[in-house]
Amino acid sequence: MADYTVQSGKAMPFGATVTSTGVNFSIFTRNGTSVTLALFDSENDEEPSFTYKLDVHNNHTGDIWHVHVTGLTAGALYLFKVDGPFIPEKGHRFNK
């Protein structure tokens, strides 16, 4: 696994954006209460090689969660786990 450094990142642009030093991630969720970024070394991996739970104070601006991972390169495999309320009648179906 590579050696990553995590920083607060920027809210814009949305998605995964390759920078000169790594990758900035930004995701919108109005009702999400926590976000975790998971990185994988291979598409065959069942478990992530690196996870980072975004901090509500350092990685959260309004309805946008963001983080910059220094040392990550283009083509990285990732996913977000987003937690929040499970209230189907209001359209909230978060299921961490």
PDB file of N, CA and C in Angstrom:
ATOM      1  N   MET A   1       0.831  -1.179   0.000  1.00  0.00           N
ATOM      2  CA  MET A   1       0.000   0.000   0.000  1.00  0.00           C
ATOM      3  C   MET A   1       0.877   1.245   0.000  1.00  0.00           C
ATOM      4  N   ALA A   2       0.427   2.238  -0.692  1.00  0.00           N
ATOM      5  CA  ALA A   2       1.169   3.495  -0.774  1.00  0.00           C
ATOM      6  C   ALA A   2       1.058   4.274   0.535  1.00  0.00           C
ATOM      7  N   ASP A   3       1.912   5.262   0.664  1.00  0.00           N
ATOM      8  CA  ASP A   3       1.920   6.122   1.837  1.00  0.00           C
ATOM      9  C   ASP A   3       1.114   7.381   1.524  1.00  0.00           C
ATOM     10  N   TYR A   4      -0.038   7.527   2.180  1.00  0.00           N
ATOM     11  CA  TYR A   4      -0.918   8.656   1.914  1.00  0.00           C
ATOM     12  C   TYR A   4      -0.917   9.637   3.074  1.00  0.00           C
ATOM     13  N   THR A   5      -1.086  10.915   2.732  1.00  0.00           N
ATOM     14  CA  THR A   5      -1.296  11.962   3.713  1.00  0.00           C
ATOM     15  C   THR A   5      -2.657  12.571   3.422  1.00  0.00           C
ATOM     16  N   VAL A   6      -3.467  12.750   4.456  1.00  0.00           N
ATOM     17  CA  VAL A   6      -4.813  13.272   4.279  1.00  0.00           C
ATOM     18  C   VAL A   6      -4.865  14.719   4.753  1.00  0.00           C
ATOM     19  N   GLN A   7      -5.465  15.570   3.915  1.00  0.00           N
ATOM     20  CA  GLN A   7      -5.659  16.980   4.244  1.00  0.00           C
ATOM     21  C   GLN A   7      -7.133  17.321   4.076  1.00  0.00           C
ATOM     22  N   SER A   8      -7.538  18.507   4.487  1.00  0.00           N
ATOM     23  CA  SER A   8      -8.959  18.862   4.462  1.00  0.00           C
ATOM     24  C   SER A   8      -9.554  18.873   3.053  1.00  0.00           C
ATOM     25  N   GLY A   9      -8.795  19.250   2.062  1.00  0.00           N
ATOM     26  CA  GLY A   9      -9.301  19.272   0.692  1.00  0.00           C
ATOM     27  C   GLY A   9     -10.168  20.478   0.409  1.00  0.00           C
ATOM     28  N   LYS A  10     -10.729  20.512  -0.802  1.00  0.00           N
ATOM     29  CA  LYS A  10     -11.565  21.629  -1.250  1.00  0.00           C
ATOM     30  C   LYS A  10     -12.934  21.111  -1.646  1.00  0.00           C
ATOM     31  N   ALA A  11     -13.931  21.949  -1.432  1.00  0.00           N
ATOM     32  CA  ALA A  11     -15.308  21.563  -1.724  1.00  0.00           C
ATOM     33  C   ALA A  11     -15.598  21.472  -3.225  1.00  0.00           C
ATOM     34  N   MET A  12     -14.906  22.233  -4.022  1.00  0.00           N
ATOM     35  CA  MET A  12     -15.155  22.243  -5.474  1.00  0.00           C
ATOM     36  C   MET A  12     -13.872  21.949  -6.231  1.00  0.00           C
ATOM     37  N   PRO A  13     -13.911  21.301  -7.335  1.00  0.00           N
ATOM     38  CA  PRO A  13     -15.098  20.770  -8.007  1.00  0.00           C
ATOM     39  C   PRO A  13     -15.555  19.452  -7.373  1.00  0.00           C
ATOM     40  N   PHE A  14     -16.791  19.047  -7.694  1.00  0.00           N
ATOM     41  CA  PHE A  14     -17.313  17.785  -7.198  1.00  0.00           C
ATOM     42  C   PHE A  14     -16.593  16.606  -7.842  1.00  0.00           C
ATOM     43  N   GLY A  15     -16.591  15.491  -7.150  1.00  0.00           N
ATOM     44  CA  GLY A  15     -16.017  14.258  -7.683  1.00  0.00           C
ATOM     45  C   GLY A  15     -14.580  14.073  -7.248  1.00  0.00           C
ATOM     46  N   ALA A  16     -13.879  13.258  -8.005  1.00  0.00           N
ATOM     47  CA  ALA A  16     -12.461  12.984  -7.763  1.00  0.00           C
ATOM     48  C   ALA A  16     -11.659  13.779  -8.781  1.00  0.00           C
ATOM     49  N   THR A  17     -10.794  14.665  -8.288  1.00  0.00           N
ATOM     50  CA  THR A  17     -10.010  15.532  -9.162  1.00  0.00           C
ATOM     51  C   THR A  17      -8.535  15.328  -8.878  1.00  0.00           C
ATOM     52  N   VAL A  18      -7.795  14.899  -9.894  1.00  0.00           N
ATOM     53  CA  VAL A  18      -6.354  14.707  -9.749  1.00  0.00           C
ATOM     54  C   VAL A  18      -5.690  16.078  -9.646  1.00  0.00           C
ATOM     55  N   THR A  19      -4.811  16.232  -8.656  1.00  0.00           N
ATOM     56  CA  THR A  19      -4.055  17.466  -8.468  1.00  0.00           C
ATOM     57  C   THR A  19      -2.574  17.161  -8.701  1.00  0.00           C
ATOM     58  N   SER A  20      -1.736  18.160  -8.551  1.00  0.00           N
ATOM     59  CA  SER A  20      -0.297  17.950  -8.753  1.00  0.00           C
ATOM     60  C   SER A  20       0.317  17.089  -7.648  1.00  0.00           C
ATOM     61  N   THR A  21      -0.387  16.940  -6.520  1.00  0.00           N
ATOM     62  CA  THR A  21       0.173  16.165  -5.400  1.00  0.00           C
ATOM     63  C   THR A  21      -0.665  14.972  -4.972  1.00  0.00           C
ATOM     64  N   GLY A  22      -1.842  14.804  -5.570  1.00  0.00           N
ATOM     65  CA  GLY A  22      -2.707  13.696  -5.165  1.00  0.00           C
ATOM     66  C   GLY A  22      -4.075  13.799  -5.802  1.00  0.00           C
ATOM     67  N   VAL A  23      -5.104  13.474  -5.022  1.00  0.00           N
ATOM     68  CA  VAL A  23      -6.479  13.525  -5.523  1.00  0.00           C
ATOM     69  C   VAL A  23      -7.363  14.212  -4.491  1.00  0.00           C
ATOM     70  N   ASN A  24      -8.165  15.166  -4.963  1.00  0.00           N
ATOM     71  CA  ASN A  24      -9.156  15.830  -4.119  1.00  0.00           C
ATOM     72  C   ASN A  24     -10.504  15.153  -4.366  1.00  0.00           C
ATOM     73  N   PHE A  25     -11.194  14.804  -3.286  1.00  0.00           N
ATOM     74  CA  PHE A  25     -12.515  14.193  -3.374  1.00  0.00           C
ATOM     75  C   PHE A  25     -13.538  15.150  -2.780  1.00  0.00           C
ATOM     76  N   SER A  26     -14.684  15.267  -3.448  1.00  0.00           N
ATOM     77  CA  SER A  26     -15.749  16.132  -2.983  1.00  0.00           C
ATOM     78  C   SER A  26     -17.081  15.491  -3.323  1.00  0.00           C
ATOM     79  N   ILE A  27     -17.970  15.400  -2.312  1.00  0.00           N
ATOM     80  CA  ILE A  27     -19.267  14.757  -2.512  1.00  0.00           C
ATOM     81  C   ILE A  27     -20.347  15.577  -1.806  1.00  0.00           C
ATOM     82  N   PHE A  28     -21.482  15.731  -2.471  1.00  0.00           N
ATOM     83  CA  PHE A  28     -22.616  16.465  -1.915  1.00  0.00           C
ATOM     84  C   PHE A  28     -23.569  15.488  -1.235  1.00  0.00           C
ATOM     85  N   THR A  29     -23.961  15.798  -0.015  1.00  0.00           N
ATOM     86  CA  THR A  29     -25.048  15.082   0.646  1.00  0.00           C
ATOM     87  C   THR A  29     -25.700  16.002   1.660  1.00  0.00           C
ATOM     88  N   ARG A  30     -26.926  16.357   1.403  1.00  0.00           N
ATOM     89  CA  ARG A  30     -27.640  17.278   2.290  1.00  0.00           C
ATOM     90  C   ARG A  30     -27.982  16.613   3.625  1.00  0.00           C
ATOM     91  N   ASN A  31     -28.279  15.321   3.612  1.00  0.00           N
ATOM     92  CA  ASN A  31     -28.738  14.659   4.827  1.00  0.00           C
ATOM     93  C   ASN A  31     -27.758  13.646   5.395  1.00  0.00           C
ATOM     94  N   GLY A  32     -26.622  13.459   4.749  1.00  0.00           N
ATOM     95  CA  GLY A  32     -25.620  12.551   5.286  1.00  0.00           C
ATOM     96  C   GLY A  32     -25.009  13.116   6.560  1.00  0.00           C
ATOM     97  N   THR A  33     -24.771  12.243   7.534  1.00  0.00           N
ATOM     98  CA  THR A  33     -24.222  12.685   8.811  1.00  0.00           C
ATOM     99  C   THR A  33     -22.757  12.307   8.987  1.00  0.00           C
ATOM    100  N   SER A  34     -22.269  11.378   8.179  1.00  0.00           N
ATOM    101  CA  SER A  34     -20.844  11.032   8.198  1.00  0.00           C
ATOM    102  C   SER A  34     -20.470  10.416   6.863  1.00  0.00           C
ATOM    103  N   VAL A  35     -19.208  10.610   6.486  1.00  0.00           N
ATOM    104  CA  VAL A  35     -18.698  10.090   5.213  1.00  0.00           C
ATOM    105  C   VAL A  35     -17.338   9.449   5.469  1.00  0.00           C
ATOM    106  N   THR A  36     -17.142   8.259   4.906  1.00  0.00           N
ATOM    107  CA  THR A  36     -15.864   7.566   4.980  1.00  0.00           C
ATOM    108  C   THR A  36     -15.392   7.290   3.562  1.00  0.00           C
ATOM    109  N   LEU A  37     -14.134   7.595   3.285  1.00  0.00           N
ATOM    110  CA  LEU A  37     -13.514   7.293   1.996  1.00  0.00           C
ATOM    111  C   LEU A  37     -12.755   5.985   2.130  1.00  0.00           C
ATOM    112  N   ALA A  38     -12.971   5.069   1.206  1.00  0.00           N
ATOM    113  CA  ALA A  38     -12.266   3.787   1.201  1.00  0.00           C
ATOM    114  C   ALA A  38     -11.493   3.665  -0.113  1.00  0.00           C
ATOM    115  N   LEU A  39     -10.217   3.279  -0.023  1.00  0.00           N
ATOM    116  CA  LEU A  39      -9.363   3.090  -1.199  1.00  0.00           C
ATOM    117  C   LEU A  39      -9.002   1.619  -1.338  1.00  0.00           C
ATOM    118  N   PHE A  40      -8.932   1.158  -2.571  1.00  0.00           N
ATOM    119  CA  PHE A  40      -8.634  -0.242  -2.865  1.00  0.00           C
ATOM    120  C   PHE A  40      -7.408  -0.336  -3.761  1.00  0.00           C
ATOM    121  N   ASP A  41      -6.596  -1.367  -3.545  1.00  0.00           N
ATOM    122  CA  ASP A  41      -5.415  -1.594  -4.377  1.00  0.00           C
ATOM    123  C   ASP A  41      -5.775  -2.301  -5.676  1.00  0.00           C
ATOM    124  N   SER A  42      -6.837  -3.112  -5.665  1.00  0.00           N
ATOM    125  CA  SER A  42      -7.219  -3.912  -6.823  1.00  0.00           C
ATOM    126  C   SER A  42      -8.736  -4.036  -6.870  1.00  0.00           C
ATOM    127  N   GLU A  43      -9.279  -4.192  -8.067  1.00  0.00           N
ATOM    128  CA  GLU A  43     -10.720  -4.371  -8.213  1.00  0.00           C
ATOM    129  C   GLU A  43     -11.187  -5.700  -7.621  1.00  0.00           C
ATOM    130  N   ASN A  44     -10.266  -6.607  -7.320  1.00  0.00           N
ATOM    131  CA  ASN A  44     -10.605  -7.899  -6.728  1.00  0.00           C
ATOM    132  C   ASN A  44     -10.592  -7.877  -5.205  1.00  0.00           C
ATOM    133  N   ASP A  45     -10.140  -6.778  -4.612  1.00  0.00           N
ATOM    134  CA  ASP A  45     -10.063  -6.694  -3.154  1.00  0.00           C
ATOM    135  C   ASP A  45     -11.465  -6.647  -2.541  1.00  0.00           C
ATOM    136  N   GLU A  46     -11.655  -7.433  -1.489  1.00  0.00           N
ATOM    137  CA  GLU A  46     -12.927  -7.407  -0.772  1.00  0.00           C
ATOM    138  C   GLU A  46     -12.913  -6.364   0.338  1.00  0.00           C
ATOM    139  N   GLU A  47     -11.736  -6.000   0.801  1.00  0.00           N
ATOM    140  CA  GLU A  47     -11.584  -5.011   1.857  1.00  0.00           C
ATOM    141  C   GLU A  47     -10.697  -3.869   1.356  1.00  0.00           C
ATOM    142  N   PRO A  48     -10.971  -2.653   1.788  1.00  0.00           N
ATOM    143  CA  PRO A  48     -10.126  -1.523   1.370  1.00  0.00           C
ATOM    144  C   PRO A  48      -8.736  -1.615   1.991  1.00  0.00           C
ATOM    145  N   SER A  49      -7.759  -1.064   1.299  1.00  0.00           N
ATOM    146  CA  SER A  49      -6.393  -1.016   1.826  1.00  0.00           C
ATOM    147  C   SER A  49      -6.191   0.225   2.698  1.00  0.00           C
ATOM    148  N   PHE A  50      -7.112   1.190   2.563  1.00  0.00           N
ATOM    149  CA  PHE A  50      -7.007   2.444   3.325  1.00  0.00           C
ATOM    150  C   PHE A  50      -8.404   3.016   3.510  1.00  0.00           C
ATOM    151  N   THR A  51      -8.732   3.434   4.713  1.00  0.00           N
ATOM    152  CA  THR A  51      -9.998   4.117   4.953  1.00  0.00           C
ATOM    153  C   THR A  51      -9.739   5.387   5.756  1.00  0.00           C
ATOM    154  N   TYR A  52     -10.584   6.369   5.527  1.00  0.00           N
ATOM    155  CA  TYR A  52     -10.481   7.616   6.271  1.00  0.00           C
ATOM    156  C   TYR A  52     -11.881   8.153   6.519  1.00  0.00           C
ATOM    157  N   LYS A  53     -12.243   8.286   7.791  1.00  0.00           N
ATOM    158  CA  LYS A  53     -13.529   8.887   8.146  1.00  0.00           C
ATOM    159  C   LYS A  53     -13.352  10.401   8.141  1.00  0.00           C
ATOM    160  N   LEU A  54     -14.075  11.068   7.257  1.00  0.00           N
ATOM    161  CA  LEU A  54     -13.970  12.518   7.153  1.00  0.00           C
ATOM    162  C   LEU A  54     -14.464  13.177   8.435  1.00  0.00           C
ATOM    163  N   ASP A  55     -13.757  14.213   8.839  1.00  0.00           N
ATOM    164  CA  ASP A  55     -14.062  14.935  10.066  1.00  0.00           C
ATOM    165  C   ASP A  55     -15.087  16.032   9.785  1.00  0.00           C
ATOM    166  N   VAL A  56     -16.132  16.073  10.588  1.00  0.00           N
ATOM    167  CA  VAL A  56     -17.212  17.038  10.365  1.00  0.00           C
ATOM    168  C   VAL A  56     -16.720  18.482  10.448  1.00  0.00           C
ATOM    169  N   HIS A  57     -15.630  18.739  11.163  1.00  0.00           N
ATOM    170  CA  HIS A  57     -15.117  20.107  11.306  1.00  0.00           C
ATOM    171  C   HIS A  57     -14.102  20.475  10.220  1.00  0.00           C
ATOM    172  N   ASN A  58     -13.277  19.525   9.795  1.00  0.00           N
ATOM    173  CA  ASN A  58     -12.206  19.805   8.834  1.00  0.00           C
ATOM    174  C   ASN A  58     -12.526  19.423   7.390  1.00  0.00           C
ATOM    175  N   ASN A  59     -13.459  18.511   7.189  1.00  0.00           N
ATOM    176  CA  ASN A  59     -13.739  17.991   5.852  1.00  0.00           C
ATOM    177  C   ASN A  59     -15.185  18.220   5.430  1.00  0.00           C
ATOM    178  N   HIS A  60     -15.815  19.249   5.951  1.00  0.00           N
ATOM    179  CA  HIS A  60     -17.246  19.449   5.717  1.00  0.00           C
ATOM    180  C   HIS A  60     -17.538  20.937   5.579  1.00  0.00           C
ATOM    181  N   THR A  61     -18.101  21.330   4.429  1.00  0.00           N
ATOM    182  CA  THR A  61     -18.474  22.721   4.184  1.00  0.00           C
ATOM    183  C   THR A  61     -19.908  22.737   3.675  1.00  0.00           C
ATOM    184  N   GLY A  62     -20.839  23.234   4.480  1.00  0.00           N
ATOM    185  CA  GLY A  62     -22.250  23.221   4.080  1.00  0.00           C
ATOM    186  C   GLY A  62     -22.731  21.799   3.893  1.00  0.00           C
ATOM    187  N   ASP A  63     -23.197  21.483   2.684  1.00  0.00           N
ATOM    188  CA  ASP A  63     -23.671  20.134   2.359  1.00  0.00           C
ATOM    189  C   ASP A  63     -22.610  19.327   1.613  1.00  0.00           C
ATOM    190  N   ILE A  64     -21.379  19.805   1.615  1.00  0.00           N
ATOM    191  CA  ILE A  64     -20.311  19.157   0.845  1.00  0.00           C
ATOM    192  C   ILE A  64     -19.245  18.603   1.790  1.00  0.00           C
ATOM    193  N   TRP A  65     -18.885  17.350   1.568  1.00  0.00           N
ATOM    194  CA  TRP A  65     -17.797  16.694   2.290  1.00  0.00           C
ATOM    195  C   TRP A  65     -16.617  16.614   1.340  1.00  0.00           C
ATOM    196  N   HIS A  66     -15.405  16.875   1.826  1.00  0.00           N
ATOM    197  CA  HIS A  66     -14.242  16.941   0.946  1.00  0.00           C
ATOM    198  C   HIS A  66     -12.985  16.504   1.682  1.00  0.00           C
ATOM    199  N   VAL A  67     -12.038  15.965   0.915  1.00  0.00           N
ATOM    200  CA  VAL A  67     -10.755  15.519   1.469  1.00  0.00           C
ATOM    201  C   VAL A  67      -9.747  15.447   0.326  1.00  0.00           C
ATOM    202  N   HIS A  68      -8.493  15.763   0.629  1.00  0.00           N
ATOM    203  CA  HIS A  68      -7.411  15.627  -0.341  1.00  0.00           C
ATOM    204  C   HIS A  68      -6.470  14.538   0.157  1.00  0.00           C
ATOM    205  N   VAL A  69      -6.167  13.583  -0.718  1.00  0.00           N
ATOM    206  CA  VAL A  69      -5.261  12.485  -0.368  1.00  0.00           C
ATOM    207  C   VAL A  69      -3.975  12.667  -1.165  1.00  0.00           C
ATOM    208  N   THR A  70      -2.936  13.129  -0.473  1.00  0.00           N
ATOM    209  CA  THR A  70      -1.629  13.326  -1.100  1.00  0.00           C
ATOM    210  C   THR A  70      -0.970  11.966  -1.299  1.00  0.00           C
ATOM    211  N   GLY A  71      -0.396  11.763  -2.488  1.00  0.00           N
ATOM    212  CA  GLY A  71       0.256  10.497  -2.812  1.00  0.00           C
ATOM    213  C   GLY A  71      -0.609   9.568  -3.639  1.00  0.00           C
ATOM    214  N   LEU A  72      -1.892   9.858  -3.747  1.00  0.00           N
ATOM    215  CA  LEU A  72      -2.801   9.058  -4.567  1.00  0.00           C
ATOM    216  C   LEU A  72      -2.676   9.514  -6.018  1.00  0.00           C
ATOM    217  N   THR A  73      -2.842   8.602  -6.958  1.00  0.00           N
ATOM    218  CA  THR A  73      -2.680   8.933  -8.377  1.00  0.00           C
ATOM    219  C   THR A  73      -3.950   8.630  -9.162  1.00  0.00           C
ATOM    220  N   ALA A  74      -3.970   9.070 -10.402  1.00  0.00           N
ATOM    221  CA  ALA A  74      -5.092   8.816 -11.302  1.00  0.00           C
ATOM    222  C   ALA A  74      -5.312   7.314 -11.430  1.00  0.00           C
ATOM    223  N   GLY A  75      -6.558   6.925 -11.541  1.00  0.00           N
ATOM    224  CA  GLY A  75      -6.904   5.516 -11.693  1.00  0.00           C
ATOM    225  C   GLY A  75      -7.140   4.798 -10.372  1.00  0.00           C
ATOM    226  N   ALA A  76      -7.054   5.512  -9.278  1.00  0.00           N
ATOM    227  CA  ALA A  76      -7.270   4.901  -7.958  1.00  0.00           C
ATOM    228  C   ALA A  76      -8.709   4.387  -7.856  1.00  0.00           C
ATOM    229  N   LEU A  77      -8.862   3.294  -7.151  1.00  0.00           N
ATOM    230  CA  LEU A  77     -10.179   2.701  -6.926  1.00  0.00           C
ATOM    231  C   LEU A  77     -10.681   3.136  -5.557  1.00  0.00           C
ATOM    232  N   TYR A  78     -11.875   3.701  -5.517  1.00  0.00           N
ATOM    233  CA  TYR A  78     -12.379   4.247  -4.259  1.00  0.00           C
ATOM    234  C   TYR A  78     -13.889   4.094  -4.167  1.00  0.00           C
ATOM    235  N   LEU A  79     -14.392   4.250  -2.952  1.00  0.00           N
ATOM    236  CA  LEU A  79     -15.826   4.364  -2.734  1.00  0.00           C
ATOM    237  C   LEU A  79     -16.057   5.223  -1.500  1.00  0.00           C
ATOM    238  N   PHE A  80     -17.265   5.760  -1.406  1.00  0.00           N
ATOM    239  CA  PHE A  80     -17.683   6.520  -0.239  1.00  0.00           C
ATOM    240  C   PHE A  80     -18.723   5.708   0.519  1.00  0.00           C
ATOM    241  N   LYS A  81     -18.610   5.682   1.829  1.00  0.00           N
ATOM    242  CA  LYS A  81     -19.670   5.166   2.692  1.00  0.00           C
ATOM    243  C   LYS A  81     -20.294   6.395   3.337  1.00  0.00           C
ATOM    244  N   VAL A  82     -21.592   6.564   3.132  1.00  0.00           N
ATOM    245  CA  VAL A  82     -22.284   7.730   3.673  1.00  0.00           C
ATOM    246  C   VAL A  82     -23.361   7.245   4.632  1.00  0.00           C
ATOM    247  N   ASP A  83     -23.322   7.757   5.857  1.00  0.00           N
ATOM    248  CA  ASP A  83     -24.316   7.391   6.851  1.00  0.00           C
ATOM    249  C   ASP A  83     -25.255   8.563   7.063  1.00  0.00           C
ATOM    250  N   GLY A  84     -26.449   8.262   7.513  1.00  0.00           N
ATOM    251  CA  GLY A  84     -27.452   9.277   7.786  1.00  0.00           C
ATOM    252  C   GLY A  84     -28.734   8.607   8.219  1.00  0.00           C
ATOM    253  N   PRO A  85     -29.830   9.347   8.214  1.00  0.00           N
ATOM    254  CA  PRO A  85     -31.095   8.791   8.691  1.00  0.00           C
ATOM    255  C   PRO A  85     -31.678   7.757   7.731  1.00  0.00           C
ATOM    256  N   PHE A  86     -32.364   6.779   8.310  1.00  0.00           N
ATOM    257  CA  PHE A  86     -33.118   5.814   7.511  1.00  0.00           C
ATOM    258  C   PHE A  86     -34.595   6.077   7.769  1.00  0.00           C
ATOM    259  N   ILE A  87     -35.158   6.952   6.929  1.00  0.00           N
ATOM    260  CA  ILE A  87     -36.569   7.331   7.028  1.00  0.00           C
ATOM    261  C   ILE A  87     -37.149   7.250   5.613  1.00  0.00           C
ATOM    262  N   PRO A  88     -37.488   6.034   5.164  1.00  0.00           N
ATOM    263  CA  PRO A  88     -37.944   5.850   3.771  1.00  0.00           C
ATOM    264  C   PRO A  88     -39.095   6.758   3.367  1.00  0.00           C
ATOM    265  N   GLU A  89     -40.015   7.038   4.286  1.00  0.00           N
ATOM    266  CA  GLU A  89     -41.157   7.887   3.925  1.00  0.00           C
ATOM    267  C   GLU A  89     -40.752   9.321   3.592  1.00  0.00           C
ATOM    268  N   LYS A  90     -39.540   9.710   3.979  1.00  0.00           N
ATOM    269  CA  LYS A  90     -39.009  11.033   3.642  1.00  0.00           C
ATOM    270  C   LYS A  90     -37.926  10.953   2.564  1.00  0.00           C
ATOM    271  N   GLY A  91     -37.739   9.748   2.011  1.00  0.00           N
ATOM    272  CA  GLY A  91     -36.737   9.574   0.956  1.00  0.00           C
ATOM    273  C   GLY A  91     -35.324   9.340   1.458  1.00  0.00           C
ATOM    274  N   HIS A  92     -35.161   9.167   2.751  1.00  0.00           N
ATOM    275  CA  HIS A  92     -33.832   8.940   3.338  1.00  0.00           C
ATOM    276  C   HIS A  92     -33.626   7.435   3.520  1.00  0.00           C
ATOM    277  N   ARG A  93     -32.663   6.895   2.789  1.00  0.00           N
ATOM    278  CA  ARG A  93     -32.408   5.461   2.856  1.00  0.00           C
ATOM    279  C   ARG A  93     -30.935   5.173   3.091  1.00  0.00           C
ATOM    280  N   PHE A  94     -30.344   5.931   3.980  1.00  0.00           N
ATOM    281  CA  PHE A  94     -28.941   5.694   4.323  1.00  0.00           C
ATOM    282  C   PHE A  94     -28.839   4.353   5.028  1.00  0.00           C
ATOM    283  N   ASN A  95     -27.802   3.603   4.684  1.00  0.00           N
ATOM    284  CA  ASN A  95     -27.604   2.290   5.276  1.00  0.00           C
ATOM    285  C   ASN A  95     -26.111   2.013   5.293  1.00  0.00           C
ATOM    286  N   LYS A  96     -25.448   2.502   6.322  1.00  0.00           N
ATOM    287  CA  LYS A  96     -23.997   2.371   6.443  1.00  0.00           C
ATOM    288  C   LYS A  96     -23.587   0.926   6.404  1.00  0.00           C
TER     289      LYS A  96
END
